[in-house]
Amino acid sequence: MTNKISGLGPQASGVGASRRNEPVRAVDPAERPREAATAHDQVTLTGTSRQLQKLAAAVAAAPEVDLRRVEALRALIEKGHYELDALRIADRILDFERELAGR
């Protein structure tokens, strides 16, 4: 058995039966329940967010550019004495990736 959308035909059970037609009245602000004075908001941080906060603080504390290091590298490159250690670089990249993954 189906009900017609127009409302004609068999009534759906309970639809609109409990609705009261009362006028809407304004609520006096003095009558509104107040929140408890001891209620506090609470925030819980995940381990990842704590790690990000620590990293952000370390980055903020670090100098933008180590000028002495830049000058030393520039001098080595100009003299042709700057050598790259590919294995050391690869190890450092892997260490960084492990640190990011939390291992």
PDB file of N, CA and C in Angstrom:
ATOM      1  N   MET A   1       0.842  -1.167   0.000  1.00  0.00           N
ATOM      2  CA  MET A   1       0.000   0.000   0.000  1.00  0.00           C
ATOM      3  C   MET A   1       0.895   1.240   0.000  1.00  0.00           C
ATOM      4  N   THR A   2       0.574   2.223  -0.809  1.00  0.00           N
ATOM      5  CA  THR A   2       1.375   3.433  -0.896  1.00  0.00           C
ATOM      6  C   THR A   2       0.557   4.639  -0.479  1.00  0.00           C
ATOM      7  N   ASN A   3       1.223   5.656   0.010  1.00  0.00           N
ATOM      8  CA  ASN A   3       0.575   6.917   0.366  1.00  0.00           C
ATOM      9  C   ASN A   3       0.846   7.921  -0.737  1.00  0.00           C
ATOM     10  N   LYS A   4      -0.154   8.697  -1.063  1.00  0.00           N
ATOM     11  CA  LYS A   4       0.038   9.739  -2.054  1.00  0.00           C
ATOM     12  C   LYS A   4       0.731  10.921  -1.386  1.00  0.00           C
ATOM     13  N   ILE A   5       1.617  11.545  -2.127  1.00  0.00           N
ATOM     14  CA  ILE A   5       2.350  12.693  -1.602  1.00  0.00           C
ATOM     15  C   ILE A   5       1.407  13.852  -1.311  1.00  0.00           C
ATOM     16  N   SER A   6       0.329  13.966  -2.031  1.00  0.00           N
ATOM     17  CA  SER A   6      -0.591  15.081  -1.850  1.00  0.00           C
ATOM     18  C   SER A   6      -1.305  15.038  -0.500  1.00  0.00           C
ATOM     19  N   GLY A   7      -1.204  13.920   0.194  1.00  0.00           N
ATOM     20  CA  GLY A   7      -1.845  13.811   1.491  1.00  0.00           C
ATOM     21  C   GLY A   7      -3.234  13.225   1.413  1.00  0.00           C
ATOM     22  N   LEU A   8      -3.706  13.002   0.237  1.00  0.00           N
ATOM     23  CA  LEU A   8      -5.016  12.372   0.094  1.00  0.00           C
ATOM     24  C   LEU A   8      -4.831  10.869   0.205  1.00  0.00           C
ATOM     25  N   GLY A   9      -5.742  10.206   0.753  1.00  0.00           N
ATOM     26  CA  GLY A   9      -5.613   8.764   0.882  1.00  0.00           C
ATOM     27  C   GLY A   9      -5.310   8.406   2.316  1.00  0.00           C
ATOM     28  N   PRO A  10      -4.849   7.189   2.574  1.00  0.00           N
ATOM     29  CA  PRO A  10      -4.596   6.744   3.947  1.00  0.00           C
ATOM     30  C   PRO A  10      -3.561   7.635   4.640  1.00  0.00           C
ATOM     31  N   GLN A  11      -3.836   7.997   5.871  1.00  0.00           N
ATOM     32  CA  GLN A  11      -2.924   8.831   6.645  1.00  0.00           C
ATOM     33  C   GLN A  11      -1.718   8.016   7.103  1.00  0.00           C
ATOM     34  N   ALA A  12      -0.556   8.602   7.019  1.00  0.00           N
ATOM     35  CA  ALA A  12       0.649   7.959   7.549  1.00  0.00           C
ATOM     36  C   ALA A  12       0.549   7.986   9.062  1.00  0.00           C
ATOM     37  N   SER A  13       1.017   6.957   9.696  1.00  0.00           N
ATOM     38  CA  SER A  13       0.856   6.848  11.146  1.00  0.00           C
ATOM     39  C   SER A  13       1.653   7.910  11.881  1.00  0.00           C
ATOM     40  N   GLY A  14       0.991   8.677  12.709  1.00  0.00           N
ATOM     41  CA  GLY A  14       1.632   9.615  13.613  1.00  0.00           C
ATOM     42  C   GLY A  14       2.170  10.888  12.989  1.00  0.00           C
ATOM     43  N   VAL A  15       2.060  11.090  11.719  1.00  0.00           N
ATOM     44  CA  VAL A  15       2.627  12.284  11.102  1.00  0.00           C
ATOM     45  C   VAL A  15       1.789  13.482  11.479  1.00  0.00           C
ATOM     46  N   GLY A  16       2.386  14.424  12.142  1.00  0.00           N
ATOM     47  CA  GLY A  16       1.715  15.643  12.524  1.00  0.00           C
ATOM     48  C   GLY A  16       0.737  15.494  13.675  1.00  0.00           C
ATOM     49  N   ALA A  17       0.552  14.333  14.205  1.00  0.00           N
ATOM     50  CA  ALA A  17      -0.440  14.129  15.255  1.00  0.00           C
ATOM     51  C   ALA A  17      -0.012  14.743  16.582  1.00  0.00           C
ATOM     52  N   SER A  18       1.270  14.780  16.859  1.00  0.00           N
ATOM     53  CA  SER A  18       1.721  15.286  18.152  1.00  0.00           C
ATOM     54  C   SER A  18       2.103  16.757  18.106  1.00  0.00           C
ATOM     55  N   ARG A  19       1.919  17.402  16.996  1.00  0.00           N
ATOM     56  CA  ARG A  19       2.302  18.793  16.837  1.00  0.00           C
ATOM     57  C   ARG A  19       1.279  19.703  17.504  1.00  0.00           C
ATOM     58  N   ARG A  20       1.776  20.685  18.258  1.00  0.00           N
ATOM     59  CA  ARG A  20       0.879  21.641  18.904  1.00  0.00           C
ATOM     60  C   ARG A  20       1.014  22.981  18.210  1.00  0.00           C
ATOM     61  N   ASN A  21      -0.064  23.664  18.084  1.00  0.00           N
ATOM     62  CA  ASN A  21      -0.038  24.982  17.476  1.00  0.00           C
ATOM     63  C   ASN A  21      -0.092  26.032  18.577  1.00  0.00           C
ATOM     64  N   GLU A  22       1.058  26.332  19.149  1.00  0.00           N
ATOM     65  CA  GLU A  22       1.144  27.349  20.188  1.00  0.00           C
ATOM     66  C   GLU A  22       1.882  28.545  19.620  1.00  0.00           C
ATOM     67  N   PRO A  23       1.535  29.731  20.072  1.00  0.00           N
ATOM     68  CA  PRO A  23       2.266  30.908  19.592  1.00  0.00           C
ATOM     69  C   PRO A  23       3.693  30.908  20.123  1.00  0.00           C
ATOM     70  N   VAL A  24       4.583  31.447  19.336  1.00  0.00           N
ATOM     71  CA  VAL A  24       5.982  31.559  19.741  1.00  0.00           C
ATOM     72  C   VAL A  24       6.097  32.745  20.677  1.00  0.00           C
ATOM     73  N   ARG A  25       6.807  32.563  21.785  1.00  0.00           N
ATOM     74  CA  ARG A  25       6.967  33.663  22.724  1.00  0.00           C
ATOM     75  C   ARG A  25       8.445  33.980  22.885  1.00  0.00           C
ATOM     76  N   ALA A  26       8.728  35.223  23.161  1.00  0.00           N
ATOM     77  CA  ALA A  26      10.106  35.653  23.365  1.00  0.00           C
ATOM     78  C   ALA A  26      10.613  35.123  24.699  1.00  0.00           C
ATOM     79  N   VAL A  27      11.882  34.786  24.730  1.00  0.00           N
ATOM     80  CA  VAL A  27      12.474  34.279  25.962  1.00  0.00           C
ATOM     81  C   VAL A  27      13.248  35.412  26.620  1.00  0.00           C
ATOM     82  N   ASP A  28      12.948  35.622  27.864  1.00  0.00           N
ATOM     83  CA  ASP A  28      13.641  36.639  28.645  1.00  0.00           C
ATOM     84  C   ASP A  28      15.069  36.146  28.898  1.00  0.00           C
ATOM     85  N   PRO A  29      16.096  36.958  28.579  1.00  0.00           N
ATOM     86  CA  PRO A  29      17.482  36.520  28.803  1.00  0.00           C
ATOM     87  C   PRO A  29      17.744  36.101  30.251  1.00  0.00           C
ATOM     88  N   ALA A  30      17.017  36.659  31.193  1.00  0.00           N
ATOM     89  CA  ALA A  30      17.216  36.298  32.597  1.00  0.00           C
ATOM     90  C   ALA A  30      16.752  34.875  32.875  1.00  0.00           C
ATOM     91  N   GLU A  31      15.821  34.366  32.042  1.00  0.00           N
ATOM     92  CA  GLU A  31      15.296  33.017  32.239  1.00  0.00           C
ATOM     93  C   GLU A  31      16.142  31.939  31.583  1.00  0.00           C
ATOM     94  N   ARG A  32      17.060  32.323  30.690  1.00  0.00           N
ATOM     95  CA  ARG A  32      17.877  31.339  29.987  1.00  0.00           C
ATOM     96  C   ARG A  32      18.818  30.643  30.961  1.00  0.00           C
ATOM     97  N   PRO A  33      19.001  29.364  30.804  1.00  0.00           N
ATOM     98  CA  PRO A  33      19.966  28.680  31.674  1.00  0.00           C
ATOM     99  C   PRO A  33      21.379  29.154  31.361  1.00  0.00           C
ATOM    100  N   ARG A  34      22.116  29.375  32.384  1.00  0.00           N
ATOM    101  CA  ARG A  34      23.499  29.830  32.208  1.00  0.00           C
ATOM    102  C   ARG A  34      24.435  28.647  32.254  1.00  0.00           C
ATOM    103  N   GLU A  35      25.538  28.780  31.519  1.00  0.00           N
ATOM    104  CA  GLU A  35      26.550  27.724  31.541  1.00  0.00           C
ATOM    105  C   GLU A  35      27.261  27.756  32.885  1.00  0.00           C
ATOM    106  N   ALA A  36      27.703  26.610  33.299  1.00  0.00           N
ATOM    107  CA  ALA A  36      28.412  26.525  34.575  1.00  0.00           C
ATOM    108  C   ALA A  36      29.683  27.369  34.510  1.00  0.00           C
ATOM    109  N   ALA A  37      29.954  28.076  35.579  1.00  0.00           N
ATOM    110  CA  ALA A  37      31.128  28.942  35.627  1.00  0.00           C
ATOM    111  C   ALA A  37      32.418  28.142  35.611  1.00  0.00           C
ATOM    112  N   THR A  38      32.360  26.867  35.936  1.00  0.00           N
ATOM    113  CA  THR A  38      33.577  26.055  35.976  1.00  0.00           C
ATOM    114  C   THR A  38      33.837  25.312  34.676  1.00  0.00           C
ATOM    115  N   ALA A  39      32.997  25.506  33.663  1.00  0.00           N
ATOM    116  CA  ALA A  39      33.201  24.802  32.388  1.00  0.00           C
ATOM    117  C   ALA A  39      34.458  25.341  31.708  1.00  0.00           C
ATOM    118  N   HIS A  40      35.291  24.432  31.215  1.00  0.00           N
ATOM    119  CA  HIS A  40      36.530  24.816  30.531  1.00  0.00           C
ATOM    120  C   HIS A  40      36.610  24.082  29.205  1.00  0.00           C
ATOM    121  N   ASP A  41      37.138  24.777  28.216  1.00  0.00           N
ATOM    122  CA  ASP A  41      37.414  24.099  26.953  1.00  0.00           C
ATOM    123  C   ASP A  41      38.679  23.289  27.135  1.00  0.00           C
ATOM    124  N   GLN A  42      38.758  22.197  26.422  1.00  0.00           N
ATOM    125  CA  GLN A  42      39.917  21.324  26.554  1.00  0.00           C
ATOM    126  C   GLN A  42      40.392  20.913  25.163  1.00  0.00           C
ATOM    127  N   VAL A  43      41.694  20.944  24.970  1.00  0.00           N
ATOM    128  CA  VAL A  43      42.300  20.551  23.703  1.00  0.00           C
ATOM    129  C   VAL A  43      43.288  19.434  23.994  1.00  0.00           C
ATOM    130  N   THR A  44      43.237  18.391  23.194  1.00  0.00           N
ATOM    131  CA  THR A  44      44.187  17.293  23.323  1.00  0.00           C
ATOM    132  C   THR A  44      45.007  17.234  22.045  1.00  0.00           C
ATOM    133  N   LEU A  45      46.328  17.264  22.195  1.00  0.00           N
ATOM    134  CA  LEU A  45      47.214  17.237  21.048  1.00  0.00           C
ATOM    135  C   LEU A  45      47.715  15.821  20.796  1.00  0.00           C
ATOM    136  N   THR A  46      47.834  15.472  19.534  1.00  0.00           N
ATOM    137  CA  THR A  46      48.380  14.167  19.183  1.00  0.00           C
ATOM    138  C   THR A  46      49.898  14.223  19.251  1.00  0.00           C
ATOM    139  N   GLY A  47      50.517  13.069  19.220  1.00  0.00           N
ATOM    140  CA  GLY A  47      51.977  13.008  19.220  1.00  0.00           C
ATOM    141  C   GLY A  47      52.568  13.712  18.013  1.00  0.00           C
ATOM    142  N   THR A  48      51.900  13.592  16.878  1.00  0.00           N
ATOM    143  CA  THR A  48      52.386  14.239  15.660  1.00  0.00           C
ATOM    144  C   THR A  48      52.338  15.754  15.805  1.00  0.00           C
ATOM    145  N   SER A  49      51.271  16.273  16.390  1.00  0.00           N
ATOM    146  CA  SER A  49      51.178  17.731  16.545  1.00  0.00           C
ATOM    147  C   SER A  49      52.225  18.243  17.527  1.00  0.00           C
ATOM    148  N   ARG A  50      52.511  17.460  18.555  1.00  0.00           N
ATOM    149  CA  ARG A  50      53.584  17.864  19.486  1.00  0.00           C
ATOM    150  C   ARG A  50      54.934  17.878  18.779  1.00  0.00           C
ATOM    151  N   GLN A  51      55.181  16.875  17.939  1.00  0.00           N
ATOM    152  CA  GLN A  51      56.442  16.820  17.199  1.00  0.00           C
ATOM    153  C   GLN A  51      56.539  18.007  16.251  1.00  0.00           C
ATOM    154  N   LEU A  52      55.445  18.357  15.593  1.00  0.00           N
ATOM    155  CA  LEU A  52      55.443  19.506  14.693  1.00  0.00           C
ATOM    156  C   LEU A  52      55.705  20.803  15.451  1.00  0.00           C
ATOM    157  N   GLN A  53      55.157  20.922  16.663  1.00  0.00           N
ATOM    158  CA  GLN A  53      55.423  22.114  17.474  1.00  0.00           C
ATOM    159  C   GLN A  53      56.903  22.216  17.819  1.00  0.00           C
ATOM    160  N   LYS A  54      57.512  21.084  18.170  1.00  0.00           N
ATOM    161  CA  LYS A  54      58.937  21.080  18.496  1.00  0.00           C
ATOM    162  C   LYS A  54      59.772  21.448  17.278  1.00  0.00           C
ATOM    163  N   LEU A  55      59.421  20.892  16.125  1.00  0.00           N
ATOM    164  CA  LEU A  55      60.152  21.208  14.903  1.00  0.00           C
ATOM    165  C   LEU A  55      59.999  22.675  14.528  1.00  0.00           C
ATOM    166  N   ALA A  56      58.790  23.195  14.674  1.00  0.00           N
ATOM    167  CA  ALA A  56      58.554  24.607  14.361  1.00  0.00           C
ATOM    168  C   ALA A  56      59.375  25.509  15.284  1.00  0.00           C
ATOM    169  N   ALA A  57      59.458  25.142  16.563  1.00  0.00           N
ATOM    170  CA  ALA A  57      60.257  25.934  17.507  1.00  0.00           C
ATOM    171  C   ALA A  57      61.741  25.857  17.155  1.00  0.00           C
ATOM    172  N   ALA A  58      62.217  24.672  16.753  1.00  0.00           N
ATOM    173  CA  ALA A  58      63.627  24.519  16.384  1.00  0.00           C
ATOM    174  C   ALA A  58      63.948  25.329  15.132  1.00  0.00           C
ATOM    175  N   VAL A  59      63.048  25.323  14.174  1.00  0.00           N
ATOM    176  CA  VAL A  59      63.263  26.094  12.944  1.00  0.00           C
ATOM    177  C   VAL A  59      63.251  27.590  13.257  1.00  0.00           C
ATOM    178  N   ALA A  60      62.339  28.011  14.109  1.00  0.00           N
ATOM    179  CA  ALA A  60      62.261  29.437  14.463  1.00  0.00           C
ATOM    180  C   ALA A  60      63.506  29.892  15.207  1.00  0.00           C
ATOM    181  N   ALA A  61      64.115  29.001  15.992  1.00  0.00           N
ATOM    182  CA  ALA A  61      65.299  29.360  16.774  1.00  0.00           C
ATOM    183  C   ALA A  61      66.579  29.317  15.948  1.00  0.00           C
ATOM    184  N   ALA A  62      66.565  28.582  14.838  1.00  0.00           N
ATOM    185  CA  ALA A  62      67.767  28.444  14.007  1.00  0.00           C
ATOM    186  C   ALA A  62      67.979  29.706  13.181  1.00  0.00           C
ATOM    187  N   PRO A  63      69.238  30.054  12.955  1.00  0.00           N
ATOM    188  CA  PRO A  63      69.495  31.211  12.086  1.00  0.00           C
ATOM    189  C   PRO A  63      69.079  30.884  10.652  1.00  0.00           C
ATOM    190  N   GLU A  64      68.695  31.911   9.910  1.00  0.00           N
ATOM    191  CA  GLU A  64      68.250  31.672   8.539  1.00  0.00           C
ATOM    192  C   GLU A  64      69.388  31.147   7.672  1.00  0.00           C
ATOM    193  N   VAL A  65      70.547  31.752   7.783  1.00  0.00           N
ATOM    194  CA  VAL A  65      71.706  31.346   6.984  1.00  0.00           C
ATOM    195  C   VAL A  65      72.944  31.407   7.871  1.00  0.00           C
ATOM    196  N   ASP A  66      73.736  30.335   7.820  1.00  0.00           N
ATOM    197  CA  ASP A  66      75.010  30.312   8.538  1.00  0.00           C
ATOM    198  C   ASP A  66      76.076  30.872   7.589  1.00  0.00           C
ATOM    199  N   LEU A  67      76.322  32.168   7.703  1.00  0.00           N
ATOM    200  CA  LEU A  67      77.209  32.838   6.762  1.00  0.00           C
ATOM    201  C   LEU A  67      78.626  32.280   6.787  1.00  0.00           C
ATOM    202  N   ARG A  68      79.115  31.878   7.956  1.00  0.00           N
ATOM    203  CA  ARG A  68      80.475  31.304   8.022  1.00  0.00           C
ATOM    204  C   ARG A  68      80.539  30.006   7.217  1.00  0.00           C
ATOM    205  N   ARG A  69      79.500  29.188   7.330  1.00  0.00           N
ATOM    206  CA  ARG A  69      79.463  27.920   6.585  1.00  0.00           C
ATOM    207  C   ARG A  69      79.388  28.182   5.081  1.00  0.00           C
ATOM    208  N   VAL A  70      78.598  29.164   4.672  1.00  0.00           N
ATOM    209  CA  VAL A  70      78.466  29.519   3.258  1.00  0.00           C
ATOM    210  C   VAL A  70      79.807  29.973   2.699  1.00  0.00           C
ATOM    211  N   GLU A  71      80.508  30.828   3.422  1.00  0.00           N
ATOM    212  CA  GLU A  71      81.813  31.333   2.957  1.00  0.00           C
ATOM    213  C   GLU A  71      82.845  30.208   2.877  1.00  0.00           C
ATOM    214  N   ALA A  72      82.825  29.302   3.845  1.00  0.00           N
ATOM    215  CA  ALA A  72      83.771  28.178   3.827  1.00  0.00           C
ATOM    216  C   ALA A  72      83.504  27.280   2.611  1.00  0.00           C
ATOM    217  N   LEU A  73      82.258  26.994   2.344  1.00  0.00           N
ATOM    218  CA  LEU A  73      81.918  26.176   1.182  1.00  0.00           C
ATOM    219  C   LEU A  73      82.257  26.886  -0.124  1.00  0.00           C
ATOM    220  N   ARG A  74      81.990  28.172  -0.185  1.00  0.00           N
ATOM    221  CA  ARG A  74      82.304  28.948  -1.389  1.00  0.00           C
ATOM    222  C   ARG A  74      83.799  28.900  -1.679  1.00  0.00           C
ATOM    223  N   ALA A  75      84.609  29.042  -0.623  1.00  0.00           N
ATOM    224  CA  ALA A  75      86.065  29.008  -0.804  1.00  0.00           C
ATOM    225  C   ALA A  75      86.509  27.634  -1.305  1.00  0.00           C
ATOM    226  N   LEU A  76      85.962  26.562  -0.748  1.00  0.00           N
ATOM    227  CA  LEU A  76      86.319  25.205  -1.195  1.00  0.00           C
ATOM    228  C   LEU A  76      85.932  24.978  -2.658  1.00  0.00           C
ATOM    229  N   ILE A  77      84.752  25.439  -3.042  1.00  0.00           N
ATOM    230  CA  ILE A  77      84.297  25.265  -4.422  1.00  0.00           C
ATOM    231  C   ILE A  77      85.180  26.040  -5.385  1.00  0.00           C
ATOM    232  N   GLU A  78      85.527  27.284  -5.035  1.00  0.00           N
ATOM    233  CA  GLU A  78      86.369  28.113  -5.900  1.00  0.00           C
ATOM    234  C   GLU A  78      87.752  27.506  -6.090  1.00  0.00           C
ATOM    235  N   LYS A  79      88.264  26.847  -5.060  1.00  0.00           N
ATOM    236  CA  LYS A  79      89.597  26.216  -5.146  1.00  0.00           C
ATOM    237  C   LYS A  79      89.528  24.836  -5.787  1.00  0.00           C
ATOM    238  N   GLY A  80      88.291  24.322  -5.996  1.00  0.00           N
ATOM    239  CA  GLY A  80      88.140  22.997  -6.588  1.00  0.00           C
ATOM    240  C   GLY A  80      88.374  21.875  -5.594  1.00  0.00           C
ATOM    241  N   HIS A  81      88.266  22.159  -4.307  1.00  0.00           N
ATOM    242  CA  HIS A  81      88.510  21.155  -3.272  1.00  0.00           C
ATOM    243  C   HIS A  81      87.240  20.624  -2.608  1.00  0.00           C
ATOM    244  N   TYR A  82      86.086  21.034  -3.102  1.00  0.00           N
ATOM    245  CA  TYR A  82      84.832  20.582  -2.484  1.00  0.00           C
ATOM    246  C   TYR A  82      84.451  19.227  -3.059  1.00  0.00           C
ATOM    247  N   GLU A  83      84.316  18.227  -2.193  1.00  0.00           N
ATOM    248  CA  GLU A  83      83.942  16.887  -2.635  1.00  0.00           C
ATOM    249  C   GLU A  83      82.638  16.481  -1.952  1.00  0.00           C
ATOM    250  N   LEU A  84      81.823  15.779  -2.710  1.00  0.00           N
ATOM    251  CA  LEU A  84      80.570  15.278  -2.171  1.00  0.00           C
ATOM    252  C   LEU A  84      80.735  13.817  -1.772  1.00  0.00           C
ATOM    253  N   ASP A  85      80.205  13.450  -0.621  1.00  0.00           N
ATOM    254  CA  ASP A  85      80.182  12.060  -0.169  1.00  0.00           C
ATOM    255  C   ASP A  85      78.759  11.558  -0.365  1.00  0.00           C
ATOM    256  N   ALA A  86      78.523  10.878  -1.507  1.00  0.00           N
ATOM    257  CA  ALA A  86      77.179  10.441  -1.875  1.00  0.00           C
ATOM    258  C   ALA A  86      76.590   9.492  -0.839  1.00  0.00           C
ATOM    259  N   LEU A  87      77.381   8.610  -0.262  1.00  0.00           N
ATOM    260  CA  LEU A  87      76.875   7.678   0.748  1.00  0.00           C
ATOM    261  C   LEU A  87      76.441   8.418   2.008  1.00  0.00           C
ATOM    262  N   ARG A  88      77.213   9.405   2.409  1.00  0.00           N
ATOM    263  CA  ARG A  88      76.847  10.199   3.598  1.00  0.00           C
ATOM    264  C   ARG A  88      75.548  10.964   3.351  1.00  0.00           C
ATOM    265  N   ILE A  89      75.419  11.531   2.161  1.00  0.00           N
ATOM    266  CA  ILE A  89      74.198  12.267   1.825  1.00  0.00           C
ATOM    267  C   ILE A  89      72.998  11.321   1.833  1.00  0.00           C
ATOM    268  N   ALA A  90      73.152  10.137   1.245  1.00  0.00           N
ATOM    269  CA  ALA A  90      72.054   9.164   1.210  1.00  0.00           C
ATOM    270  C   ALA A  90      71.671   8.735   2.624  1.00  0.00           C
ATOM    271  N   ASP A  91      72.660   8.503   3.488  1.00  0.00           N
ATOM    272  CA  ASP A  91      72.381   8.132   4.880  1.00  0.00           C
ATOM    273  C   ASP A  91      71.615   9.229   5.609  1.00  0.00           C
ATOM    274  N   ARG A  92      71.989  10.472   5.386  1.00  0.00           N
ATOM    275  CA  ARG A  92      71.313  11.594   6.043  1.00  0.00           C
ATOM    276  C   ARG A  92      69.871  11.739   5.558  1.00  0.00           C
ATOM    277  N   ILE A  93      69.651  11.504   4.265  1.00  0.00           N
ATOM    278  CA  ILE A  93      68.286  11.564   3.730  1.00  0.00           C
ATOM    279  C   ILE A  93      67.435  10.461   4.346  1.00  0.00           C
ATOM    280  N   LEU A  94      68.002   9.252   4.442  1.00  0.00           N
ATOM    281  CA  LEU A  94      67.270   8.144   5.059  1.00  0.00           C
ATOM    282  C   LEU A  94      66.977   8.421   6.531  1.00  0.00           C
ATOM    283  N   ASP A  95      67.944   8.984   7.248  1.00  0.00           N
ATOM    284  CA  ASP A  95      67.715   9.347   8.650  1.00  0.00           C
ATOM    285  C   ASP A  95      66.567  10.350   8.769  1.00  0.00           C
ATOM    286  N   PHE A  96      66.558  11.323   7.887  1.00  0.00           N
ATOM    287  CA  PHE A  96      65.500  12.329   7.899  1.00  0.00           C
ATOM    288  C   PHE A  96      64.142  11.707   7.636  1.00  0.00           C
ATOM    289  N   GLU A  97      64.068  10.817   6.662  1.00  0.00           N
ATOM    290  CA  GLU A  97      62.804  10.146   6.336  1.00  0.00           C
ATOM    291  C   GLU A  97      62.341   9.274   7.514  1.00  0.00           C
ATOM    292  N   ARG A  98      63.266   8.583   8.165  1.00  0.00           N
ATOM    293  CA  ARG A  98      62.900   7.774   9.325  1.00  0.00           C
ATOM    294  C   ARG A  98      62.381   8.645  10.464  1.00  0.00           C
ATOM    295  N   GLU A  99      63.017   9.781  10.666  1.00  0.00           N
ATOM    296  CA  GLU A  99      62.577  10.700  11.724  1.00  0.00           C
ATOM    297  C   GLU A  99      61.168  11.216  11.439  1.00  0.00           C
ATOM    298  N   LEU A 100      60.892  11.531  10.193  1.00  0.00           N
ATOM    299  CA  LEU A 100      59.556  11.989   9.827  1.00  0.00           C
ATOM    300  C   LEU A 100      58.519  10.898  10.011  1.00  0.00           C
ATOM    301  N   ALA A 101      58.918   9.660   9.761  1.00  0.00           N
ATOM    302  CA  ALA A 101      57.980   8.536   9.907  1.00  0.00           C
ATOM    303  C   ALA A 101      57.827   8.109  11.362  1.00  0.00           C
ATOM    304  N   GLY A 102      58.628   8.664  12.256  1.00  0.00           N
ATOM    305  CA  GLY A 102      58.506   8.376  13.677  1.00  0.00           C
ATOM    306  C   GLY A 102      59.132   7.050  14.092  1.00  0.00           C
ATOM    307  N   ARG A 103      60.119   6.637  13.373  1.00  0.00           N
ATOM    308  CA  ARG A 103      60.790   5.363  13.718  1.00  0.00           C
ATOM    309  C   ARG A 103      62.009   5.608  14.558  1.00  0.00           C
TER     310      ARG A 103
END
